[in-house]
Amino acid sequence: MLVKFTDVKDVNYWVNPLHVKMLREKKGLTEIFIVYNPGWAAPSFKVKQSAEEVAALLDAAMPDAGALVPDDDQAAAKQAHAG
């Protein structure tokens, strides 16, 4: 699920929580670092929320761990190609 954040310049970002690398809180703002995309001016943006609030929103939007594990057919296909 995507999470909507509005940065300090009033720009909206819809973020995939799997792409967040780190949070840093400083002077009442939280900087959200994402996987770098060459099309972006910077790999981070700042929001007017605490790091705890941002982390809770990202955590709530994370997919279940089972959704990230390949099913048996995918695992068998990977093993066949690797071996």
Protein backbone atom coordinates (compact mmCIF):
# COMPACT_ATOMS: atom_id res chain seq x y z
CA MET A 1 0.00 0.00 0.00
CA LEU A 2 1.26 3.51 -0.74
CA VAL A 3 1.51 6.10 2.03
CA LYS A 4 0.84 9.78 1.36
CA PHE A 5 3.24 12.33 2.83
CA THR A 6 3.24 16.10 2.33
CA ASP A 7 6.68 17.66 2.51
CA VAL A 8 7.59 21.01 4.06
CA LYS A 9 7.09 22.71 0.65
CA ASP A 10 3.50 21.37 0.40
CA VAL A 11 4.38 18.77 -2.26
CA ASN A 12 2.57 15.43 -1.96
CA TYR A 13 4.50 12.16 -2.25
CA TRP A 14 2.97 8.70 -2.41
CA VAL A 15 5.62 6.35 -1.03
CA ASN A 16 5.95 2.60 -1.24
CA PRO A 17 7.16 1.62 2.27
CA LEU A 18 9.42 -1.05 0.77
CA HIS A 19 11.49 1.73 -0.81
CA VAL A 20 12.20 3.64 2.41
CA LYS A 21 15.82 3.24 3.51
CA MET A 22 16.01 5.41 6.61
CA LEU A 23 14.31 8.09 8.72
CA ARG A 24 16.15 10.94 10.41
CA GLU A 25 14.50 13.36 12.85
CA LYS A 26 16.03 16.78 13.27
CA LYS A 27 14.66 20.11 14.52
CA GLY A 28 11.05 18.96 14.56
CA LEU A 29 11.15 17.53 11.02
CA THR A 30 11.62 14.00 9.78
CA GLU A 31 13.65 13.33 6.67
CA ILE A 32 12.52 10.27 4.70
CA PHE A 33 15.25 8.65 2.62
CA ILE A 34 14.10 6.47 -0.26
CA VAL A 35 15.82 4.19 -2.73
CA TYR A 36 17.56 6.59 -5.10
CA ASN A 37 15.83 7.29 -8.39
CA PRO A 38 17.94 9.23 -10.94
CA GLY A 39 14.83 11.17 -12.01
CA TRP A 40 14.51 12.77 -8.58
CA ALA A 41 16.47 15.82 -7.52
CA ALA A 42 17.25 14.23 -4.14
CA PRO A 43 16.80 10.80 -2.53
CA SER A 44 14.97 12.30 0.46
CA PHE A 45 12.31 14.77 1.52
CA LYS A 46 11.28 16.34 4.85
CA VAL A 47 7.89 16.20 6.55
CA LYS A 48 6.43 17.95 9.59
CA GLN A 49 5.80 14.72 11.50
CA SER A 50 7.77 12.91 14.16
CA ALA A 51 9.87 9.92 13.14
CA GLU A 52 7.61 7.74 15.31
CA GLU A 53 4.52 8.86 13.36
CA VAL A 54 6.21 8.30 10.01
CA ALA A 55 7.49 4.87 11.07
CA ALA A 56 4.03 3.84 12.28
CA LEU A 57 2.42 4.87 8.96
CA LEU A 58 5.06 3.00 6.97
CA ASP A 59 4.80 -0.06 9.21
CA ALA A 60 1.01 -0.19 8.87
CA ALA A 61 1.32 -0.09 5.06
CA MET A 62 3.93 -2.86 4.80
CA PRO A 63 2.75 -6.03 3.09
CA ASP A 64 2.53 -9.23 5.10
CA ALA A 65 5.80 -11.16 5.14
CA GLY A 66 4.01 -14.09 3.46
CA ALA A 67 3.23 -11.90 0.46
CA LEU A 68 6.96 -11.38 -0.12
CA VAL A 69 7.83 -15.08 -0.14
CA PRO A 70 7.55 -16.79 -3.54
CA ASP A 71 5.08 -19.65 -3.81
CA ASP A 72 6.39 -23.19 -4.33
CA ASP A 73 6.28 -23.01 -8.14
CA GLN A 74 8.41 -19.85 -8.21
CA ALA A 75 10.90 -21.29 -5.71
CA ALA A 76 11.22 -24.52 -7.74
CA ALA A 77 11.77 -22.56 -10.96
CA LYS A 78 14.53 -20.49 -9.33
CA GLN A 79 16.23 -23.64 -8.03
CA ALA A 80 16.09 -25.24 -11.48
CA HIS A 81 17.74 -22.21 -13.08
CA ALA A 82 20.37 -21.94 -10.33
CA GLY A 83 21.38 -25.56 -10.27
